[in-house]
């Protein structure tokens, strides 16, 4: 019985780390989108001197972070699973369209 409890505790730790990472991704994406809205170069490229993040890429990061964040409580609330799946699918679709545009000019 003690081994099961330790396994569940470890899973809980990983879920909280996953949530923190998902929130960090969402926060960075929102900062970049805010930078594009305010035309603030510091927020658009978070690392000074680096290439600015494309606003579409920031939207895709936001969708990925939200999907990852919604996946964690999916065991408790099954209605979140389709939302997370739609966000993930939309990300793959939009990234594929963007890549196709780069390849075909």
PDB file of N, CA and C in Angstrom:
ATOM      1  N   UNK A   1       0.823  -1.193   0.000  1.00  0.00           N
ATOM      2  CA  UNK A   1       0.000   0.000   0.000  1.00  0.00           C
ATOM      3  C   UNK A   1       0.862   1.249   0.000  1.00  0.00           C
ATOM      4  N   UNK A   2       1.992   1.238   0.694  1.00  0.00           N
ATOM      5  CA  UNK A   2       2.869   2.394   0.754  1.00  0.00           C
ATOM      6  C   UNK A   2       3.461   2.743  -0.601  1.00  0.00           C
ATOM      7  N   UNK A   3       3.738   1.701  -1.410  1.00  0.00           N
ATOM      8  CA  UNK A   3       4.310   1.938  -2.732  1.00  0.00           C
ATOM      9  C   UNK A   3       3.316   2.671  -3.625  1.00  0.00           C
ATOM     10  N   UNK A   4       2.057   2.305  -3.560  1.00  0.00           N
ATOM     11  CA  UNK A   4       1.009   2.970  -4.344  1.00  0.00           C
ATOM     12  C   UNK A   4       0.902   4.444  -3.991  1.00  0.00           C
ATOM     13  N   UNK A   5       0.977   4.743  -2.711  1.00  0.00           N
ATOM     14  CA  UNK A   5       0.878   6.133  -2.258  1.00  0.00           C
ATOM     15  C   UNK A   5       2.044   6.940  -2.813  1.00  0.00           C
ATOM     16  N   UNK A   6       3.255   6.368  -2.781  1.00  0.00           N
ATOM     17  CA  UNK A   6       4.417   7.069  -3.322  1.00  0.00           C
ATOM     18  C   UNK A   6       4.274   7.294  -4.819  1.00  0.00           C
ATOM     19  N   UNK A   7       3.723   6.310  -5.536  1.00  0.00           N
ATOM     20  CA  UNK A   7       3.518   6.466  -6.977  1.00  0.00           C
ATOM     21  C   UNK A   7       2.540   7.597  -7.263  1.00  0.00           C
ATOM     22  N   UNK A   8       1.448   7.660  -6.524  1.00  0.00           N
ATOM     23  CA  UNK A   8       0.466   8.730  -6.716  1.00  0.00           C
ATOM     24  C   UNK A   8       1.052  10.086  -6.361  1.00  0.00           C
ATOM     25  N   UNK A   9       1.894  10.139  -5.345  1.00  0.00           N
ATOM     26  CA  UNK A   9       2.537  11.401  -4.971  1.00  0.00           C
ATOM     27  C   UNK A   9       3.465  11.869  -6.085  1.00  0.00           C
ATOM     28  N   UNK A  10       4.199  10.925  -6.686  1.00  0.00           N
ATOM     29  CA  UNK A  10       5.091  11.284  -7.794  1.00  0.00           C
ATOM     30  C   UNK A  10       4.299  11.790  -8.991  1.00  0.00           C
ATOM     31  N   UNK A  11       3.167  11.158  -9.275  1.00  0.00           N
ATOM     32  CA  UNK A  11       2.316  11.613 -10.384  1.00  0.00           C
ATOM     33  C   UNK A  11       1.810  13.022 -10.103  1.00  0.00           C
ATOM     34  N   UNK A  12       1.424  13.289  -8.884  1.00  0.00           N
ATOM     35  CA  UNK A  12       0.961  14.626  -8.512  1.00  0.00           C
ATOM     36  C   UNK A  12       2.037  15.677  -8.708  1.00  0.00           C
ATOM     37  N   UNK A  13       3.291  15.325  -8.382  1.00  0.00           N
ATOM     38  CA  UNK A  13       4.400  16.256  -8.580  1.00  0.00           C
ATOM     39  C   UNK A  13       4.596  16.550 -10.056  1.00  0.00           C
ATOM     40  N   UNK A  14       4.531  15.513 -10.899  1.00  0.00           N
ATOM     41  CA  UNK A  14       4.702  15.718 -12.331  1.00  0.00           C
ATOM     42  C   UNK A  14       3.570  16.553 -12.909  1.00  0.00           C
ATOM     43  N   UNK A  15       2.360  16.356 -12.412  1.00  0.00           N
ATOM     44  CA  UNK A  15       1.238  17.138 -12.910  1.00  0.00           C
ATOM     45  C   UNK A  15       1.399  18.606 -12.551  1.00  0.00           C
ATOM     46  N   UNK A  16       1.903  18.894 -11.365  1.00  0.00           N
ATOM     47  CA  UNK A  16       2.088  20.297 -11.000  1.00  0.00           C
ATOM     48  C   UNK A  16       3.209  20.923 -11.823  1.00  0.00           C
ATOM     49  N   UNK A  17       4.256  20.169 -12.130  1.00  0.00           N
ATOM     50  CA  UNK A  17       5.329  20.671 -12.990  1.00  0.00           C
ATOM     51  C   UNK A  17       4.787  20.918 -14.388  1.00  0.00           C
ATOM     52  N   UNK A  18       3.956  20.010 -14.882  1.00  0.00           N
ATOM     53  CA  UNK A  18       3.347  20.175 -16.195  1.00  0.00           C
ATOM     54  C   UNK A  18       2.489  21.427 -16.236  1.00  0.00           C
ATOM     55  N   UNK A  19       1.710  21.655 -15.211  1.00  0.00           N
ATOM     56  CA  UNK A  19       0.869  22.853 -15.160  1.00  0.00           C
ATOM     57  C   UNK A  19       1.706  24.120 -15.144  1.00  0.00           C
ATOM     58  N   UNK A  20       2.787  24.121 -14.375  1.00  0.00           N
ATOM     59  CA  UNK A  20       3.659  25.290 -14.323  1.00  0.00           C
ATOM     60  C   UNK A  20       4.296  25.573 -15.678  1.00  0.00           C
ATOM     61  N   UNK A  21       4.731  24.528 -16.355  1.00  0.00           N
ATOM     62  CA  UNK A  21       5.325  24.704 -17.687  1.00  0.00           C
ATOM     63  C   UNK A  21       4.286  25.223 -18.675  1.00  0.00           C
ATOM     64  N   UNK A  22       3.080  24.681 -18.617  1.00  0.00           N
ATOM     65  CA  UNK A  22       2.008  25.139 -19.507  1.00  0.00           C
ATOM     66  C   UNK A  22       1.685  26.607 -19.257  1.00  0.00           C
ATOM     67  N   UNK A  23       1.625  26.987 -17.994  1.00  0.00           N
ATOM     68  CA  UNK A  23       1.361  28.389 -17.667  1.00  0.00           C
ATOM     69  C   UNK A  23       2.497  29.295 -18.118  1.00  0.00           C
ATOM     70  N   UNK A  24       3.729  28.829 -18.003  1.00  0.00           N
ATOM     71  CA  UNK A  24       4.879  29.615 -18.453  1.00  0.00           C
ATOM     72  C   UNK A  24       4.827  29.841 -19.962  1.00  0.00           C
ATOM     73  N   UNK A  25       4.487  28.794 -20.713  1.00  0.00           N
ATOM     74  CA  UNK A  25       4.365  28.925 -22.166  1.00  0.00           C
ATOM     75  C   UNK A  25       3.267  29.927 -22.518  1.00  0.00           C
ATOM     76  N   UNK A  26       2.129  29.821 -21.842  1.00  0.00           N
ATOM     77  CA  UNK A  26       1.018  30.759 -22.089  1.00  0.00           C
ATOM     78  C   UNK A  26       1.427  32.185 -21.742  1.00  0.00           C
ATOM     79  N   UNK A  27       2.125  32.365 -20.639  1.00  0.00           N
ATOM     80  CA  UNK A  27       2.546  33.699 -20.220  1.00  0.00           C
ATOM     81  C   UNK A  27       3.503  34.316 -21.240  1.00  0.00           C
ATOM     82  N   UNK A  28       4.474  33.547 -21.706  1.00  0.00           N
ATOM     83  CA  UNK A  28       5.416  34.053 -22.711  1.00  0.00           C
ATOM     84  C   UNK A  28       4.677  34.420 -23.995  1.00  0.00           C
ATOM     85  N   UNK A  29       3.762  33.569 -24.427  1.00  0.00           N
ATOM     86  CA  UNK A  29       2.993  33.862 -25.644  1.00  0.00           C
ATOM     87  C   UNK A  29       2.163  35.124 -25.474  1.00  0.00           C
ATOM     88  N   UNK A  30       1.534  35.280 -24.317  1.00  0.00           N
ATOM     89  CA  UNK A  30       0.737  36.490 -24.071  1.00  0.00           C
ATOM     90  C   UNK A  30       1.614  37.738 -24.030  1.00  0.00           C
ATOM     91  N   UNK A  31       2.817  37.628 -23.464  1.00  0.00           N
ATOM     92  CA  UNK A  31       3.733  38.767 -23.452  1.00  0.00           C
ATOM     93  C   UNK A  31       4.134  39.166 -24.868  1.00  0.00           C
ATOM     94  N   UNK A  32       4.396  38.177 -25.712  1.00  0.00           N
ATOM     95  CA  UNK A  32       4.764  38.470 -27.101  1.00  0.00           C
ATOM     96  C   UNK A  32       3.589  39.113 -27.837  1.00  0.00           C
ATOM     97  N   UNK A  33       2.390  38.584 -27.640  1.00  0.00           N
ATOM     98  CA  UNK A  33       1.212  39.179 -28.289  1.00  0.00           C
ATOM     99  C   UNK A  33       0.971  40.606 -27.784  1.00  0.00           C
ATOM    100  N   UNK A  34       1.191  40.821 -26.502  1.00  0.00           N
ATOM    101  CA  UNK A  34       1.073  42.168 -25.953  1.00  0.00           C
ATOM    102  C   UNK A  34       2.122  43.087 -26.579  1.00  0.00           C
ATOM    103  N   UNK A  35       3.325  42.557 -26.769  1.00  0.00           N
ATOM    104  CA  UNK A  35       4.385  43.327 -27.426  1.00  0.00           C
ATOM    105  C   UNK A  35       4.022  43.720 -28.841  1.00  0.00           C
ATOM    106  N   UNK A  36       3.410  42.797 -29.595  1.00  0.00           N
ATOM    107  CA  UNK A  36       2.974  43.133 -30.954  1.00  0.00           C
ATOM    108  C   UNK A  36       1.867  44.184 -30.919  1.00  0.00           C
ATOM    109  N   UNK A  37       0.964  44.074 -29.945  1.00  0.00           N
ATOM    110  CA  UNK A  37      -0.131  45.039 -29.832  1.00  0.00           C
ATOM    111  C   UNK A  37       0.402  46.431 -29.496  1.00  0.00           C
ATOM    112  N   UNK A  38       1.347  46.490 -28.565  1.00  0.00           N
ATOM    113  CA  UNK A  38       1.904  47.776 -28.124  1.00  0.00           C
ATOM    114  C   UNK A  38       3.103  48.225 -28.952  1.00  0.00           C
ATOM    115  N   UNK A  39       3.511  47.411 -29.924  1.00  0.00           N
ATOM    116  CA  UNK A  39       4.701  47.656 -30.749  1.00  0.00           C
ATOM    117  C   UNK A  39       5.940  47.863 -29.871  1.00  0.00           C
ATOM    118  N   UNK A  40       6.093  46.967 -28.904  1.00  0.00           N
ATOM    119  CA  UNK A  40       7.204  47.013 -27.963  1.00  0.00           C
ATOM    120  C   UNK A  40       8.203  45.918 -28.350  1.00  0.00           C
ATOM    121  N   UNK A  41       9.374  46.336 -28.879  1.00  0.00           N
ATOM    122  CA  UNK A  41      10.377  45.371 -29.349  1.00  0.00           C
ATOM    123  C   UNK A  41      10.934  44.496 -28.238  1.00  0.00           C
ATOM    124  N   UNK A  42      10.952  45.001 -27.018  1.00  0.00           N
ATOM    125  CA  UNK A  42      11.459  44.209 -25.896  1.00  0.00           C
ATOM    126  C   UNK A  42      10.573  43.000 -25.643  1.00  0.00           C
ATOM    127  N   UNK A  43       9.268  43.166 -25.778  1.00  0.00           N
ATOM    128  CA  UNK A  43       8.354  42.048 -25.559  1.00  0.00           C
ATOM    129  C   UNK A  43       8.256  41.139 -26.779  1.00  0.00           C
ATOM    130  N   UNK A  44       8.443  41.701 -27.973  1.00  0.00           N
ATOM    131  CA  UNK A  44       8.331  40.894 -29.195  1.00  0.00           C
ATOM    132  C   UNK A  44       9.462  39.879 -29.272  1.00  0.00           C
ATOM    133  N   UNK A  45      10.671  40.303 -28.976  1.00  0.00           N
ATOM    134  CA  UNK A  45      11.793  39.350 -28.906  1.00  0.00           C
ATOM    135  C   UNK A  45      12.306  39.405 -27.479  1.00  0.00           C
ATOM    136  N   UNK A  46      11.963  38.421 -26.714  1.00  0.00           N
ATOM    137  CA  UNK A  46      12.246  38.419 -25.282  1.00  0.00           C
ATOM    138  C   UNK A  46      13.738  38.410 -24.968  1.00  0.00           C
ATOM    139  N   UNK A  47      14.541  37.911 -25.898  1.00  0.00           N
ATOM    140  CA  UNK A  47      15.997  37.926 -25.731  1.00  0.00           C
ATOM    141  C   UNK A  47      16.536  39.062 -26.601  1.00  0.00           C
ATOM    142  N   UNK A  48      17.190  40.058 -26.003  1.00  0.00           N
ATOM    143  CA  UNK A  48      17.671  41.204 -26.784  1.00  0.00           C
ATOM    144  C   UNK A  48      18.574  40.776 -27.941  1.00  0.00           C
ATOM    145  N   UNK A  49      18.311  41.335 -29.106  1.00  0.00           N
ATOM    146  CA  UNK A  49      19.114  41.040 -30.289  1.00  0.00           C
ATOM    147  C   UNK A  49      18.680  39.801 -31.046  1.00  0.00           C
ATOM    148  N   UNK A  50      17.694  39.075 -30.540  1.00  0.00           N
ATOM    149  CA  UNK A  50      17.243  37.870 -31.239  1.00  0.00           C
ATOM    150  C   UNK A  50      16.127  38.217 -32.230  1.00  0.00           C
ATOM    151  N   UNK A  51      15.799  37.261 -33.052  1.00  0.00           N
ATOM    152  CA  UNK A  51      14.731  37.437 -34.042  1.00  0.00           C
ATOM    153  C   UNK A  51      13.398  37.515 -33.310  1.00  0.00           C
ATOM    154  N   UNK A  52      12.539  38.482 -33.668  1.00  0.00           N
ATOM    155  CA  UNK A  52      11.238  38.589 -32.996  1.00  0.00           C
ATOM    156  C   UNK A  52      10.351  37.379 -33.289  1.00  0.00           C
ATOM    157  N   UNK A  53       9.527  37.026 -32.320  1.00  0.00           N
ATOM    158  CA  UNK A  53       8.599  35.909 -32.510  1.00  0.00           C
ATOM    159  C   UNK A  53       7.427  36.368 -33.372  1.00  0.00           C
ATOM    160  N   UNK A  54       7.076  35.554 -34.340  1.00  0.00           N
ATOM    161  CA  UNK A  54       5.933  35.818 -35.205  1.00  0.00           C
ATOM    162  C   UNK A  54       4.654  35.777 -34.365  1.00  0.00           C
ATOM    163  N   UNK A  55       3.691  36.672 -34.602  1.00  0.00           N
ATOM    164  CA  UNK A  55       2.461  36.641 -33.808  1.00  0.00           C
ATOM    165  C   UNK A  55       1.667  35.348 -33.988  1.00  0.00           C
ATOM    166  N   UNK A  56       1.743  34.751 -35.183  1.00  0.00           N
ATOM    167  CA  UNK A  56       1.048  33.469 -35.381  1.00  0.00           C
ATOM    168  C   UNK A  56       1.709  32.389 -34.528  1.00  0.00           C
ATOM    169  N   UNK A  57       3.025  32.416 -34.450  1.00  0.00           N
ATOM    170  CA  UNK A  57       3.736  31.457 -33.599  1.00  0.00           C
ATOM    171  C   UNK A  57       3.349  31.654 -32.138  1.00  0.00           C
ATOM    172  N   UNK A  58       3.194  32.911 -31.727  1.00  0.00           N
ATOM    173  CA  UNK A  58       2.778  33.179 -30.345  1.00  0.00           C
ATOM    174  C   UNK A  58       1.374  32.625 -30.086  1.00  0.00           C
ATOM    175  N   UNK A  59       0.479  32.771 -31.060  1.00  0.00           N
ATOM    176  CA  UNK A  59      -0.865  32.200 -30.911  1.00  0.00           C
ATOM    177  C   UNK A  59      -0.813  30.681 -30.804  1.00  0.00           C
ATOM    178  N   UNK A  60       0.058  30.065 -31.602  1.00  0.00           N
ATOM    179  CA  UNK A  60       0.185  28.605 -31.547  1.00  0.00           C
ATOM    180  C   UNK A  60       0.783  28.151 -30.214  1.00  0.00           C
ATOM    181  N   UNK A  61       1.755  28.898 -29.696  1.00  0.00           N
ATOM    182  CA  UNK A  61       2.291  28.583 -28.372  1.00  0.00           C
ATOM    183  C   UNK A  61       1.200  28.706 -27.310  1.00  0.00           C
ATOM    184  N   UNK A  62       0.371  29.735 -27.433  1.00  0.00           N
ATOM    185  CA  UNK A  62      -0.730  29.923 -26.492  1.00  0.00           C
ATOM    186  C   UNK A  62      -1.701  28.743 -26.553  1.00  0.00           C
ATOM    187  N   UNK A  63      -2.031  28.294 -27.768  1.00  0.00           N
ATOM    188  CA  UNK A  63      -2.934  27.153 -27.918  1.00  0.00           C
ATOM    189  C   UNK A  63      -2.316  25.877 -27.341  1.00  0.00           C
ATOM    190  N   UNK A  64      -1.013  25.676 -27.577  1.00  0.00           N
ATOM    191  CA  UNK A  64      -0.336  24.486 -27.028  1.00  0.00           C
ATOM    192  C   UNK A  64      -0.298  24.523 -25.505  1.00  0.00           C
ATOM    193  N   UNK A  65       0.017  25.668 -24.956  1.00  0.00           N
ATOM    194  CA  UNK A  65       0.055  25.791 -23.502  1.00  0.00           C
ATOM    195  C   UNK A  65      -1.308  25.562 -22.884  1.00  0.00           C
ATOM    196  N   UNK A  66      -2.339  26.116 -23.516  1.00  0.00           N
ATOM    197  CA  UNK A  66      -3.703  25.925 -23.001  1.00  0.00           C
ATOM    198  C   UNK A  66      -4.116  24.463 -23.098  1.00  0.00           C
ATOM    199  N   UNK A  67      -3.780  23.809 -24.210  1.00  0.00           N
ATOM    200  CA  UNK A  67      -4.124  22.394 -24.361  1.00  0.00           C
ATOM    201  C   UNK A  67      -3.421  21.548 -23.302  1.00  0.00           C
ATOM    202  N   UNK A  68      -2.153  21.829 -23.076  1.00  0.00           N
ATOM    203  CA  UNK A  68      -1.404  21.085 -22.061  1.00  0.00           C
ATOM    204  C   UNK A  68      -1.983  21.324 -20.673  1.00  0.00           C
ATOM    205  N   UNK A  69      -2.356  22.569 -20.400  1.00  0.00           N
ATOM    206  CA  UNK A  69      -2.937  22.887 -19.098  1.00  0.00           C
ATOM    207  C   UNK A  69      -4.286  22.197 -18.913  1.00  0.00           C
ATOM    208  N   UNK A  70      -5.076  22.093 -19.981  1.00  0.00           N
ATOM    209  CA  UNK A  70      -6.390  21.450 -19.891  1.00  0.00           C
ATOM    210  C   UNK A  70      -6.301  19.931 -19.802  1.00  0.00           C
ATOM    211  N   UNK A  71      -5.213  19.365 -20.272  1.00  0.00           N
ATOM    212  CA  UNK A  71      -5.061  17.910 -20.241  1.00  0.00           C
ATOM    213  C   UNK A  71      -4.900  17.384 -18.817  1.00  0.00           C
ATOM    214  N   UNK A  72      -4.312  18.171 -17.935  1.00  0.00           N
ATOM    215  CA  UNK A  72      -4.047  17.667 -16.576  1.00  0.00           C
ATOM    216  C   UNK A  72      -5.326  17.320 -15.818  1.00  0.00           C
ATOM    217  N   UNK A  73      -6.316  18.222 -15.759  1.00  0.00           N
ATOM    218  CA  UNK A  73      -7.522  17.852 -15.006  1.00  0.00           C
ATOM    219  C   UNK A  73      -8.505  17.023 -15.831  1.00  0.00           C
ATOM    220  N   UNK A  74      -8.071  16.524 -16.992  1.00  0.00           N
ATOM    221  CA  UNK A  74      -8.987  15.782 -17.864  1.00  0.00           C
ATOM    222  C   UNK A  74      -9.523  14.520 -17.200  1.00  0.00           C
ATOM    223  N   UNK A  75      -8.751  13.947 -16.279  1.00  0.00           N
ATOM    224  CA  UNK A  75      -9.231  12.750 -15.586  1.00  0.00           C
ATOM    225  C   UNK A  75     -10.448  13.077 -14.723  1.00  0.00           C
ATOM    226  N   UNK A  76     -10.498  14.292 -14.217  1.00  0.00           N
ATOM    227  CA  UNK A  76     -11.602  14.690 -13.353  1.00  0.00           C
ATOM    228  C   UNK A  76     -12.780  15.250 -14.153  1.00  0.00           C
ATOM    229  N   UNK A  77     -12.495  15.910 -15.256  1.00  0.00           N
ATOM    230  CA  UNK A  77     -13.533  16.551 -16.049  1.00  0.00           C
ATOM    231  C   UNK A  77     -13.357  16.163 -17.513  1.00  0.00           C
ATOM    232  N   UNK A  78     -14.093  15.184 -17.953  1.00  0.00           N
ATOM    233  CA  UNK A  78     -13.959  14.649 -19.308  1.00  0.00           C
ATOM    234  C   UNK A  78     -14.381  15.642 -20.393  1.00  0.00           C
ATOM    235  N   UNK A  79     -15.108  16.703 -20.028  1.00  0.00           N
ATOM    236  CA  UNK A  79     -15.529  17.685 -21.029  1.00  0.00           C
ATOM    237  C   UNK A  79     -14.356  18.524 -21.524  1.00  0.00           C
ATOM    238  N   UNK A  80     -13.247  18.531 -20.794  1.00  0.00           N
ATOM    239  CA  UNK A  80     -12.082  19.302 -21.218  1.00  0.00           C
ATOM    240  C   UNK A  80     -11.259  18.584 -22.278  1.00  0.00           C
ATOM    241  N   UNK A  81     -11.413  17.288 -22.404  1.00  0.00           N
ATOM    242  CA  UNK A  81     -10.620  16.512 -23.354  1.00  0.00           C
ATOM    243  C   UNK A  81     -10.860  16.977 -24.790  1.00  0.00           C
ATOM    244  N   UNK A  82     -12.108  17.148 -25.254  1.00  0.00           N
ATOM    245  CA  UNK A  82     -12.295  17.622 -26.628  1.00  0.00           C
ATOM    246  C   UNK A  82     -11.738  19.027 -26.856  1.00  0.00           C
ATOM    247  N   UNK A  83     -11.817  19.879 -25.861  1.00  0.00           N
ATOM    248  CA  UNK A  83     -11.280  21.242 -26.001  1.00  0.00           C
ATOM    249  C   UNK A  83      -9.762  21.181 -26.201  1.00  0.00           C
ATOM    250  N   UNK A  84      -9.100  20.386 -25.389  1.00  0.00           N
ATOM    251  CA  UNK A  84      -7.657  20.231 -25.523  1.00  0.00           C
ATOM    252  C   UNK A  84      -7.306  19.607 -26.872  1.00  0.00           C
ATOM    253  N   UNK A  85      -8.092  18.645 -27.316  1.00  0.00           N
ATOM    254  CA  UNK A  85      -7.843  18.006 -28.613  1.00  0.00           C
ATOM    255  C   UNK A  85      -8.033  18.994 -29.758  1.00  0.00           C
ATOM    256  N   UNK A  86      -9.040  19.834 -29.667  1.00  0.00           N
ATOM    257  CA  UNK A  86      -9.279  20.839 -30.708  1.00  0.00           C
ATOM    258  C   UNK A  86      -8.133  21.838 -30.748  1.00  0.00           C
ATOM    259  N   UNK A  87      -7.675  22.283 -29.590  1.00  0.00           N
ATOM    260  CA  UNK A  87      -6.547  23.212 -29.548  1.00  0.00           C
ATOM    261  C   UNK A  87      -5.285  22.582 -30.139  1.00  0.00           C
ATOM    262  N   UNK A  88      -5.034  21.346 -29.789  1.00  0.00           N
ATOM    263  CA  UNK A  88      -3.866  20.655 -30.339  1.00  0.00           C
ATOM    264  C   UNK A  88      -3.977  20.439 -31.835  1.00  0.00           C
ATOM    265  N   UNK A  89      -5.155  20.045 -32.299  1.00  0.00           N
ATOM    266  CA  UNK A  89      -5.369  19.831 -33.734  1.00  0.00           C
ATOM    267  C   UNK A  89      -5.261  21.130 -34.517  1.00  0.00           C
ATOM    268  N   UNK A  90      -5.808  22.201 -33.967  1.00  0.00           N
ATOM    269  CA  UNK A  90      -5.719  23.503 -34.633  1.00  0.00           C
ATOM    270  C   UNK A  90      -4.261  23.949 -34.736  1.00  0.00           C
ATOM    271  N   UNK A  91      -3.485  23.664 -33.711  1.00  0.00           N
ATOM    272  CA  UNK A  91      -2.069  24.015 -33.737  1.00  0.00           C
ATOM    273  C   UNK A  91      -1.348  23.269 -34.842  1.00  0.00           C
ATOM    274  N   UNK A  92      -1.589  21.975 -34.945  1.00  0.00           N
ATOM    275  CA  UNK A  92      -0.939  21.174 -35.992  1.00  0.00           C
ATOM    276  C   UNK A  92      -1.382  21.653 -37.368  1.00  0.00           C
ATOM    277  N   UNK A  93      -2.663  21.924 -37.535  1.00  0.00           N
ATOM    278  CA  UNK A  93      -3.184  22.371 -38.826  1.00  0.00           C
ATOM    279  C   UNK A  93      -2.583  23.720 -39.233  1.00  0.00           C
ATOM    280  N   UNK A  94      -2.614  24.691 -38.329  1.00  0.00           N
ATOM    281  CA  UNK A  94      -2.082  26.010 -38.658  1.00  0.00           C
ATOM    282  C   UNK A  94      -0.574  25.982 -38.888  1.00  0.00           C
ATOM    283  N   UNK A  95       0.140  25.205 -38.107  1.00  0.00           N
ATOM    284  CA  UNK A  95       1.588  25.081 -38.317  1.00  0.00           C
ATOM    285  C   UNK A  95       1.876  24.421 -39.665  1.00  0.00           C
ATOM    286  N   UNK A  96       1.065  23.433 -40.035  1.00  0.00           N
ATOM    287  CA  UNK A  96       1.236  22.784 -41.336  1.00  0.00           C
ATOM    288  C   UNK A  96       0.963  23.732 -42.492  1.00  0.00           C
ATOM    289  N   UNK A  97      -0.083  24.529 -42.369  1.00  0.00           N
ATOM    290  CA  UNK A  97      -0.385  25.520 -43.413  1.00  0.00           C
ATOM    291  C   UNK A  97       0.748  26.532 -43.524  1.00  0.00           C
ATOM    292  N   UNK A  98       1.245  26.979 -42.396  1.00  0.00           N
ATOM    293  CA  UNK A  98       2.347  27.952 -42.394  1.00  0.00           C
ATOM    294  C   UNK A  98       3.593  27.354 -43.046  1.00  0.00           C
ATOM    295  N   UNK A  99       3.886  26.106 -42.713  1.00  0.00           N
ATOM    296  CA  UNK A  99       5.056  25.434 -43.303  1.00  0.00           C
ATOM    297  C   UNK A  99       4.866  25.263 -44.802  1.00  0.00           C
ATOM    298  N   UNK A 100       3.674  24.918 -45.230  1.00  0.00           N
ATOM    299  CA  UNK A 100       3.374  24.759 -46.655  1.00  0.00           C
ATOM    300  C   UNK A 100       3.611  26.086 -47.392  1.00  0.00           C
ATOM    301  N   UNK A 101       3.215  27.181 -46.780  1.00  0.00           N
ATOM    302  CA  UNK A 101       3.406  28.505 -47.399  1.00  0.00           C
ATOM    303  C   UNK A 101       4.889  28.825 -47.522  1.00  0.00           C
ATOM    304  N   UNK A 102       5.688  28.433 -46.528  1.00  0.00           N
ATOM    305  CA  UNK A 102       7.131  28.660 -46.623  1.00  0.00           C
ATOM    306  C   UNK A 102       7.743  27.830 -47.756  1.00  0.00           C
ATOM    307  N   UNK A 103       7.294  26.595 -47.893  1.00  0.00           N
ATOM    308  CA  UNK A 103       7.862  25.702 -48.890  1.00  0.00           C
ATOM    309  C   UNK A 103       7.476  26.083 -50.321  1.00  0.00           C
ATOM    310  N   UNK A 104       6.254  26.568 -50.477  1.00  0.00           N
ATOM    311  CA  UNK A 104       5.775  26.878 -51.833  1.00  0.00           C
ATOM    312  C   UNK A 104       5.973  28.337 -52.206  1.00  0.00           C
ATOM    313  N   UNK A 105       6.433  29.128 -51.310  1.00  0.00           N
ATOM    314  CA  UNK A 105       6.725  30.533 -51.597  1.00  0.00           C
ATOM    315  C   UNK A 105       5.512  31.347 -51.487  1.00  0.00           C
TER     316      UNK A 105
END
